[in-house]
Each structure stands twice: as structure tokens, then as C-alpha cells.
Protein backbone atom coordinates (compact mmCIF):
# COMPACT_ATOMS: atom_id res chain seq x y z
CA MET A 1 168.60 66.84 47.20
CA ILE A 2 165.52 68.87 47.96
CA SER A 3 162.75 66.52 48.90
CA ARG A 4 159.09 66.67 48.03
CA SER A 5 158.24 66.42 51.71
CA LEU A 6 160.43 69.54 52.49
CA ILE A 7 158.78 71.59 49.73
CA GLU A 8 155.35 70.57 51.08
CA LYS A 9 156.36 71.78 54.52
CA ILE A 10 157.38 75.15 53.12
CA PHE A 11 154.15 75.58 51.25
CA ALA A 12 152.13 74.46 54.24
CA ALA A 13 152.84 77.90 55.81
CA ALA A 14 150.48 79.45 53.27
CA SER A 15 147.56 77.55 54.95
CA ILE A 16 148.50 78.49 58.48
CA GLU A 17 146.35 81.37 59.49
CA ARG A 18 147.50 83.89 62.16
CA TRP A 19 145.26 85.62 64.61
CA ASN A 20 142.45 83.23 63.79
CA ASP A 21 140.88 83.89 67.24
CA HIS A 22 140.61 87.52 66.57
CA PRO A 23 138.48 89.55 64.11
CA ARG A 24 140.59 90.39 61.08
CA PRO A 25 140.18 92.71 58.18
CA VAL A 26 142.11 90.22 55.98
CA GLN A 27 143.64 86.78 56.33
CA PHE A 28 147.05 86.82 57.88
CA THR A 29 149.32 83.78 57.11
CA GLU A 30 152.48 82.46 58.73
CA LEU A 31 154.13 82.42 55.22
CA ALA A 32 153.64 86.16 54.69
CA LYS A 33 154.56 87.04 58.33
CA GLN A 34 157.82 85.02 58.01
CA ALA A 35 158.58 86.73 54.71
CA HIS A 36 158.06 90.10 56.30
CA LYS A 37 160.18 89.08 59.22
CA MET A 38 163.15 88.28 56.91
CA ILE A 39 162.98 91.59 55.02
CA ILE A 40 162.84 93.42 58.41
CA ALA A 41 165.92 91.30 59.47
CA TYR A 42 167.76 92.54 56.34
CA VAL A 43 167.07 96.07 57.22
CA ILE A 44 168.20 95.69 60.86
CA ALA A 45 171.22 93.90 59.90
CA ARG A 46 172.25 96.34 57.18
CA HIS A 47 171.72 99.16 59.78
CA GLU A 48 173.99 97.33 62.20
CA GLU A 49 176.73 96.97 59.58
CA ASP A 50 176.42 100.69 58.99
CA ARG A 51 177.16 101.22 62.72
CA GLY A 52 180.38 99.14 62.42
CA LYS A 53 178.91 95.86 63.86
CA SER A 54 180.15 92.65 62.28
CA LEU A 55 177.58 90.10 61.18
CA HIS A 56 177.62 86.57 59.80
CA TRP A 57 175.01 86.72 57.09
CA GLN A 58 174.88 82.86 56.52
CA SER A 59 173.88 82.58 60.26
CA LEU A 60 171.25 85.17 59.78
CA ILE A 61 169.69 83.62 56.64
CA GLU A 62 169.80 80.07 57.94
CA GLY A 63 168.56 81.07 61.37
CA GLY A 64 165.55 82.67 59.68
CA ILE A 65 164.92 79.50 57.61
CA PHE A 66 165.36 77.28 60.74
CA GLU A 67 162.85 79.36 62.74
CA PHE A 68 160.38 79.34 59.81
CA LEU A 69 160.58 75.48 59.61
CA HIS A 70 160.35 75.35 63.39
CA ARG A 71 157.21 77.31 63.42
CA VAL A 72 155.61 75.20 60.65
CA ILE A 73 156.13 72.06 62.56
CA LEU A 74 154.68 73.54 65.91
CA THR A 75 151.77 75.37 64.14
CA ASP A 76 149.09 73.99 66.43
CA ILE A 77 150.55 75.79 69.53
CA LYS A 78 149.03 79.22 69.96
CA PRO A 79 151.66 82.01 69.97
CA PRO A 80 151.25 83.04 73.77
CA VAL A 81 151.65 79.37 74.80
CA PHE A 82 154.42 78.83 72.27
CA HIS A 83 156.42 81.72 73.65
CA LYS A 84 155.89 80.60 77.31
CA LEU A 85 157.07 77.13 76.49
CA MET A 86 160.20 78.52 74.61
CA ALA A 87 161.02 80.57 77.78
CA HIS A 88 161.51 77.44 79.88
CA LYS A 89 164.60 75.49 79.02
CA LYS A 90 163.28 71.90 79.85
CA GLU A 91 160.11 72.25 77.80
CA ARG A 92 161.94 74.12 75.06
CA ASP A 93 164.59 71.47 74.66
CA LYS A 94 161.88 68.74 74.49
CA LEU A 95 159.94 70.48 71.84
CA ASN A 96 163.08 71.45 69.87
CA LEU A 97 164.34 67.79 69.95
CA TRP A 98 161.08 66.70 68.57
CA VAL A 99 161.16 69.21 65.77
CA VAL A 100 164.69 68.16 64.90
CA GLU A 101 163.60 64.62 64.62
CA ARG A 102 160.67 65.55 62.45
CA LEU A 103 162.94 67.42 59.99
CA GLN A 104 165.97 65.12 60.10
CA ASN A 105 165.30 63.18 56.98
CA ASP A 106 164.46 66.19 54.79
CA LEU A 107 167.39 68.22 55.86
CA GLU A 108 169.94 65.42 55.80
CA ALA A 109 168.77 64.51 52.23
CA LEU A 110 169.46 68.19 51.34
CA SER A 111 172.73 68.54 53.20
CA PRO A 112 174.03 66.69 56.30
CA ALA A 113 176.07 69.88 57.20
CA LEU A 114 172.87 71.93 57.02
CA PHE A 115 171.09 69.48 59.21
CA ASN A 116 173.89 69.69 61.73
CA ARG A 117 173.66 73.44 61.77
CA PHE A 118 169.84 73.20 62.25
CA SER A 119 170.16 70.81 65.15
CA HIS A 120 172.76 73.00 66.81
CA TYR A 121 170.70 76.06 66.26
CA LEU A 122 167.64 74.56 68.00
CA LEU A 123 169.46 72.83 70.84
CA THR A 124 171.76 75.67 71.94
CA ASP A 125 171.25 78.81 73.91
CA PRO A 126 168.83 81.00 71.99
CA ASP A 127 170.52 84.25 73.23
CA SER A 128 174.01 83.29 72.01
CA ASN A 129 174.65 85.80 69.09
CA ARG A 130 173.74 89.12 67.46
CA GLU A 131 172.03 87.27 64.43
CA ARG A 132 169.52 85.72 66.74
CA LYS A 133 168.84 89.02 68.44
CA ILE A 134 168.21 90.54 65.04
CA LEU A 135 165.74 87.82 64.07
CA ARG A 136 163.87 88.10 67.24
CA ALA A 137 163.56 91.82 66.87
CA ALA A 138 162.35 91.30 63.29
CA HIS A 139 159.85 88.75 64.55
CA TYR A 140 158.30 91.15 66.97
CA LEU A 141 158.23 94.04 64.51
CA ALA A 142 156.51 91.92 61.95
CA THR A 143 153.97 90.85 64.60
CA LYS A 144 153.44 94.51 65.59
CA TRP A 145 152.80 95.49 61.95
CA GLU A 146 150.04 92.82 61.87
CA PHE A 147 148.70 93.64 65.25
CA ASP A 148 148.08 97.31 64.42
CA TYR A 149 145.45 96.08 61.94
CA ILE A 150 144.07 93.52 64.36
CA TYR A 151 143.80 95.92 67.22
CA GLU A 152 141.39 98.28 65.60
CA TRP A 153 138.98 95.38 65.09
CA SER A 154 139.59 93.81 68.49
CA ARG A 155 139.19 96.62 71.03
CA PRO A 156 136.03 94.90 72.57
CA LEU A 157 138.03 91.67 73.17
CA TYR A 158 139.00 90.79 76.64
CA GLY A 159 142.82 90.79 77.10
CA ILE A 160 143.55 92.67 73.86
CA ASP A 161 145.41 95.45 75.62
CA ALA A 162 147.55 92.95 77.46
CA THR A 163 148.55 91.48 74.14
CA LYS A 164 149.38 95.02 72.89
CA ASP A 165 151.43 95.73 75.97
CA GLU A 166 153.39 92.54 75.70
CA ILE A 167 154.31 93.08 71.97
CA ASN A 168 155.47 96.56 72.74
CA ARG A 169 157.50 95.37 75.66
CA GLN A 170 159.24 92.82 73.54
CA ILE A 171 160.07 95.39 70.93
CA GLU A 172 161.39 97.93 73.52
CA GLU A 173 163.79 95.26 74.72
CA HIS A 174 165.54 95.43 71.26
CA ARG A 175 166.15 99.15 71.17
CA GLU A 176 169.88 98.49 71.40
CA LEU A 177 169.62 97.59 67.71
CA GLY A 178 169.86 100.97 65.97
CA ALA A 179 167.33 100.17 63.31
CA VAL A 180 164.69 99.29 65.99
CA GLN A 181 165.27 102.63 67.76
CA THR A 182 165.08 104.49 64.38
CA MET A 183 161.81 102.72 63.34
CA LEU A 184 160.13 103.38 66.66
CA MET A 185 160.97 107.03 66.39
CA ASN A 186 159.86 107.40 62.86
CA ARG A 187 156.66 105.39 62.64
CA GLU A 188 154.29 108.33 63.47
CA LEU A 189 156.05 110.80 61.07
CA PRO A 190 154.54 111.75 57.65
CA ASP A 191 155.11 109.08 54.93
CA THR A 192 157.98 110.94 53.28
CA GLU A 193 159.89 111.07 56.60
CA LYS A 194 159.43 107.61 57.85
CA GLY A 195 162.69 106.26 56.38
CA ILE A 196 163.31 102.62 56.99
CA TYR A 197 160.07 102.18 58.90
CA GLY A 198 158.27 103.44 55.74
CA PHE A 199 160.19 100.85 53.76
CA ILE A 200 159.07 97.86 55.87
CA ALA A 201 155.60 99.18 56.07
CA LEU A 202 155.49 99.57 52.35
CA VAL A 203 156.97 96.02 51.76
CA GLY A 204 154.33 94.71 54.24
CA GLN A 205 151.51 95.75 51.89
CA LEU A 206 152.68 92.98 49.48
CA ARG A 207 150.71 90.54 51.82
CA PHE A 208 147.59 92.17 50.61
CA GLN A 209 148.39 91.39 46.99
CA LYS A 210 147.06 87.96 45.98
CA ARG A 211 148.87 85.79 43.45
CA TRP A 212 146.55 84.60 40.64
CA ALA A 213 144.22 87.32 41.77
CA GLN A 214 141.56 86.43 39.11
CA THR A 215 141.78 82.71 39.62
CA PRO A 216 140.16 80.83 42.56
CA ARG A 217 142.74 78.78 44.33
CA ILE A 218 143.53 76.93 47.55
CA PRO A 219 145.57 77.89 49.43
CA GLU A 220 145.72 81.50 48.42
CA THR A 221 149.21 83.03 48.49
CA SER A 222 150.32 86.54 48.65
CA VAL A 223 153.13 88.16 46.70
CA LEU A 224 154.90 88.65 49.95
CA GLY A 225 154.73 84.94 50.96
CA HIS A 226 155.88 83.95 47.41
CA LEU A 227 159.02 85.96 47.88
CA LEU A 228 160.04 83.82 50.88
CA ILE A 229 159.36 80.60 49.04
CA VAL A 230 161.57 81.66 46.09
CA ALA A 231 164.28 82.91 48.46
CA ILE A 232 164.47 79.63 50.48
CA LEU A 233 164.42 77.42 47.37
CA SER A 234 167.12 79.53 45.66
CA TYR A 235 169.27 79.30 48.80
CA PHE A 236 168.87 75.54 48.96
CA ILE A 237 169.87 75.26 45.28
CA ALA A 238 172.91 77.52 45.91
CA LEU A 239 173.99 75.05 48.63
CA GLU A 240 173.47 72.09 46.31
CA ILE A 241 175.63 73.71 43.51
CA GLY A 242 178.53 74.85 45.78
CA ALA A 243 177.92 78.57 45.54
CA CYS A 244 180.40 80.84 47.30
CA PRO A 245 179.18 82.72 50.34
CA ARG A 246 178.28 86.00 48.57
CA ARG A 247 176.54 84.11 45.78
CA SER A 248 174.38 82.27 48.31
CA TYR A 249 173.57 85.53 50.01
CA ASN A 250 172.68 87.11 46.68
CA ASP A 251 170.51 84.16 45.64
CA PHE A 252 168.62 84.35 48.95
CA PHE A 253 168.00 88.01 49.04
CA GLY A 254 167.70 88.24 45.28
CA GLY A 255 164.79 85.80 45.60
CA LEU A 256 163.37 87.70 48.61
CA PHE A 257 163.33 91.05 46.80
CA HIS A 258 162.82 90.03 43.26
CA ASP A 259 159.13 91.09 43.08
CA LEU A 260 159.56 94.21 45.34
CA PRO A 261 158.53 96.54 42.51
CA GLU A 262 155.08 94.94 42.57
CA VAL A 263 154.25 96.86 45.73
CA LEU A 264 153.94 99.84 43.24
CA THR A 265 152.63 98.16 40.08
CA ARG A 266 150.65 95.13 41.47
CA ASP A 267 151.22 91.51 40.23
CA ILE A 268 150.73 91.71 36.41
CA ILE A 269 150.26 88.09 35.08
CA SER A 270 152.53 86.84 32.30
CA PRO A 271 149.72 86.45 29.66
CA VAL A 272 149.01 90.24 30.11
CA LYS A 273 152.71 91.15 29.87
CA ASN A 274 153.25 89.11 26.84
CA SER A 275 150.05 90.08 25.02
CA VAL A 276 151.46 93.29 23.45
CA GLU A 277 154.88 93.55 22.01
CA GLY A 278 157.01 95.81 24.14
CA LEU A 279 154.57 95.96 27.00
CA ASP A 280 156.89 93.96 29.42
CA ASP A 281 159.76 96.45 28.70
CA LEU A 282 157.39 99.29 29.36
CA ILE A 283 156.33 97.86 32.68
CA LYS A 284 159.95 97.33 33.72
CA GLU A 285 160.80 100.92 32.92
CA TYR A 286 157.82 102.22 34.94
CA GLU A 287 158.89 99.88 37.85
CA ARG A 288 162.42 101.41 37.72
CA GLN A 289 160.85 104.99 37.89
CA ALA A 290 158.49 104.08 40.64
CA MET A 291 161.27 102.56 42.71
CA GLU A 292 163.46 105.71 42.29
CA GLU A 293 160.56 107.98 43.28
CA LYS A 294 159.00 105.95 46.09
CA VAL A 295 161.16 103.22 47.43
CA TYR A 296 164.83 104.40 47.32
CA PRO A 297 164.09 107.63 49.21
CA LEU A 298 163.11 105.50 52.15
CA ILE A 299 166.39 103.70 52.49
CA PRO A 300 169.96 104.85 53.04
CA PHE A 301 171.92 105.72 49.87
CA GLU A 302 174.50 103.07 50.51
CA TRP A 303 171.80 100.33 50.26
CA ARG A 304 170.35 101.38 46.94
CA ARG A 305 173.00 99.69 44.83
CA GLU A 306 172.27 96.32 46.28
CA ILE A 307 168.44 96.74 46.12
CA ARG A 308 168.81 97.66 42.51
CA TYR A 309 170.90 94.58 41.92
CA PHE A 310 168.21 92.39 43.46
CA THR A 311 165.22 93.96 41.61
CA GLU A 312 166.46 94.88 38.15
CA ASP A 313 167.12 92.16 35.43
CA GLU A 314 166.20 89.81 38.23
CA PHE A 315 166.02 86.59 36.04
CA LEU A 316 169.36 87.09 34.34
CA ASN A 317 172.75 85.81 35.69
CA ARG A 318 175.05 88.64 36.53
CA ILE A 319 178.11 89.78 38.41
CA TRP A 320 179.00 93.14 40.02
CA PRO A 321 182.44 93.49 41.30
CA ALA A 322 182.94 96.45 43.73
CA ASP A 323 184.93 98.63 41.33
CA ASN A 324 182.28 98.35 38.48
CA SER A 325 179.75 101.17 38.18
CA SER A 326 177.03 98.75 36.96
CA PRO A 327 176.32 95.01 36.94
CA GLN A 328 177.58 92.89 34.11
CA ILE A 329 174.78 90.71 32.69
CA LEU A 330 175.85 87.19 31.67
CA GLN A 331 174.15 85.71 28.57
CA SER A 332 175.00 82.11 29.55
CA GLU A 333 172.51 79.90 31.39
CA GLU A 334 175.15 79.08 34.00
CA ILE A 335 177.79 81.19 35.78
CA GLU A 336 181.27 79.95 35.03
CA GLU A 337 183.21 78.43 37.94
CA THR A 338 185.89 81.17 37.59
CA LEU A 339 183.27 83.73 38.64
CA ASN A 340 182.13 81.82 41.67
CA ASN A 341 183.86 83.95 44.26
CA ASP A 342 182.95 86.78 46.57
CA GLU A 343 184.95 89.31 44.68
CA GLN A 344 182.75 88.89 41.47
CA ASN A 345 179.61 89.18 43.53
CA PRO A 346 177.57 86.75 41.45
CA ILE A 347 173.86 86.14 41.44
CA ASP A 348 172.03 83.24 39.78
CA GLY A 349 169.10 85.01 38.12
CA ARG A 350 168.36 81.79 36.21
CA VAL A 351 168.09 79.87 39.46
CA ILE A 352 165.83 82.49 40.93
CA GLU A 353 163.66 82.39 37.78
CA ALA A 354 163.36 78.61 37.99
CA CYS A 355 162.31 78.79 41.68
CA ASP A 356 159.81 81.57 40.82
CA LYS A 357 158.22 79.45 38.08
CA PHE A 358 158.42 76.36 40.26
CA SER A 359 156.53 78.23 42.99
CA ALA A 360 153.75 79.10 40.51
CA PHE A 361 153.64 75.52 39.27
CA VAL A 362 153.24 74.11 42.92
CA GLU A 363 150.63 76.70 43.63
CA ALA A 364 148.67 75.52 40.68
CA SER A 365 149.20 71.84 41.50
CA LEU A 366 148.21 72.01 45.13
CA SER A 367 145.05 73.84 44.25
CA MET A 368 144.15 71.35 41.54
CA ARG A 369 144.89 68.61 44.01
CA THR A 370 142.16 69.90 46.35
CA GLY A 371 139.64 70.11 43.50
CA ILE A 372 139.90 73.85 42.98
CA THR A 373 140.86 74.18 39.31
CA SER A 374 140.32 76.35 36.30
CA PRO A 375 141.47 76.42 32.67
CA ALA A 376 144.05 79.07 33.66
CA LEU A 377 145.63 76.88 36.29
CA ASP A 378 145.69 73.88 34.02
CA GLU A 379 147.25 75.75 31.13
CA ALA A 380 149.90 77.38 33.36
CA LYS A 381 150.77 74.05 34.90
CA ARG A 382 151.20 72.38 31.48
CA LYS A 383 153.28 75.23 30.02
CA LEU A 384 155.58 75.46 33.08
CA TYR A 385 156.05 71.72 33.14
CA ALA A 386 156.92 71.62 29.36
CA ARG A 387 159.46 74.38 29.93
CA TYR A 388 161.28 72.90 32.83
CA ALA A 389 160.82 69.14 32.49
CA ASN A 390 164.30 67.49 32.33
CA LYS A 391 166.00 70.84 32.84
CA LYS A 392 169.24 70.96 34.75
CA LEU A 393 171.19 73.97 36.10
CA TYR A 394 174.79 73.29 37.17
CA GLY A 395 173.92 69.60 37.20
CA PHE A 396 171.10 70.13 39.63
CA PRO A 397 167.90 68.50 38.36
CA VAL A 398 165.44 71.35 38.41
CA GLY A 399 163.02 69.21 36.27
CA MET A 400 162.75 66.68 39.00
CA LEU A 401 161.22 69.22 41.39
CA PHE A 402 158.49 69.74 38.81
CA ASP A 403 158.08 65.91 38.49
CA PHE A 404 157.29 65.83 42.26
CA PHE A 405 154.01 67.78 41.69
CA TRP A 406 153.08 66.74 38.15
């Protein structure tokens, strides 16, 4: 079962500031950085598959989650010191063992098998497989994207060029990955020619879009950070309900991409969408057109089917077998067990929706717990709790998650 303690650790990343010893045009958080990293990892991994390389997607997803939790626990160590410690086996093993011990209760309560994979991931050779290399490359590309903003404000700082050189050196070491080579070549081209680099740059802009933009709240969260929270929680529930590998993959990346169109439309709050009959449908149609015009031209044609699957009808259960021209929307709250196989390509839109609403509920609850509240937060919290209290999906007690923060 997903514990309250584990949820709090995930949300804690929204309070972890990055580059806090540098002048910054905006606040950069660990949560948004890790979300950007996982989207970049998806791009690199898809590109590797296009080159005929085999990948184990569960290892990539879980590796990203494990590294995220690892960084949350070790948040007090500055990145340069952190990376030096990780480069020395003796110190690395001591730190990693301590992290494993700190997370053991939470992860064993969720899944003993997942905890064993987590422990093995942290206590084995970090250069052992392609998935780890992809995650490392994604880490440095996400860091580079942030640093390009930091650098313009930090030129007078002592050592800033050394930081720049080190980030560039780390990225250069991953040129063997085809997507890294392509992105480095395309980043200086005009926007319409940037391709996959343009895609990750556009997605990165979601970190500038605040959730609850007109409501004071602590900690603030961005749309980009919210995507990772929904993805991780959706993946954990997929594990709990025995989802097949493809369904678990879809639930994670469906959560990670479900608000992607908001990079073009901004985060329009539910009361506005629901205030005029037909407005929500009109917004959805505009989002589809904007995606066709501005997002899909940046990615390979072969990827567009999957991104559409993740971003359209995102809160409905659906299947999409390979020989079907379009997804089949399922009207039921739950996907039948006969459809729980890789060939049916199922995705739990209802699970993603529950995690999306739960994320909003926790955001409101955490802010109110610090004393920063408003009628909007109080109303949203009460409505969400009323909707999901006692609710179950596939026997999983979704309502209990809401009880944790009520």
C-alpha cells in the first residue's frame, strides 16, 4: 500500500530549490527538474529504439523513480559535492545504503519486490546498463536547460564558467546516444527546425506555469512538477492492481504527458472550464489543433500516435491494439481483466484522473497545513474529498489516500 510517508517524500521535492546559491530569474525546484529529466529520458529512449536498440522500459521508469527518491533523501548535499561523492565507490556505497534504509519501510509497504529492485539499483554498478546511461544523459540535459537561464544572470560569479564547462563535458560523454547528438546539433537552429530539442525545450516551459496561479500557496508547484507526481502515483497504483507491463508503461507516461497541451493553452482551472456549457469541449478542440500545429512537427512521425494516446481523452479508460486505427474508449470505471495484456495496449485513464485530483488535493492540504489558505483552496479540498472518499478502483482504496491528508 502507498504510505502517507512516501507521498510526503514525493511532494517534498516541490520545496527543494535548485541553484539557490546563484541568482535566478525564477525558482527552480527539484520536482520540476526530475519531471523534465524523465520526459527527456523518454525522448532519448524512443530515439534509441528507432535505431534498433533494445530497451527495458520498466527499468528506465523505475530507475528514474529510484533516482528521484534518492535525490530527495540527499537533498542537503550540494550537487558538485554530491557528484564527487557518487564518483567514489566507498562513499557512494555508504550513502546509498543509508538511503535504502531510510526508504525501506515505505517501499516494502508498497511492494517488497519493488524495494528489492530499489536496493539492487542503488547498491550495484551505476554503469551497468543502457537505461542508466539514458537517465544520466537526461539528467545532464535537464541541468543544462536550467543552467542556460542561470548563466546569463551569473556571469560575474567566480567559478561559473567552470560549472558550464563541467555540464558540457558530461553531456559530450553521452554523444553515443543518438538523441543527444541530434539535440546538440539542432539546439541553435530556428525553432521550426529544432526537432526533438525543440520538443524538450517547449516541455521545459511548463515549469514556468504555476498551478493554482491566482491562489497563494506553499509550496508552489508547476505544471511540469505536477506531471511527475501524477506519473509516479499512477505507476505505483498500476503495480498494486497487477497491471501488465504495457499498461504500467502507459499509466506512467500517460500521467507524465497528460497535461502536455497546457504548454500551449496554460493551466485553465476547472471552475472556468465548467462555467460555460461546451467550453471544456472547445478548449479540448483547440488543444488538439495546437498540438498538431506546434508540437507534433517537432517529433518523429512514428511517435505521434503514442503522444496522442497519452494526451487525448486522458482521463478515460481505453485500449489501442496495434491493428486499430484509433483508440477504443471504454465506458466502464475499470478495465476488464481480459484486456489486461500487452496486445490490447490498455491505459487507466480513471487511475490517472484519480492521481491528478489527489495531487491537487494534497497541494491544497499541504498549503493549508502551513497556514496559507483561501476560500478557493478550502472549497477545492472539500469537493475533491467528497468525490473520492471511500472510492475504490480495482479494489485499491483510492479514498484512503485522501484520508491521509484530510
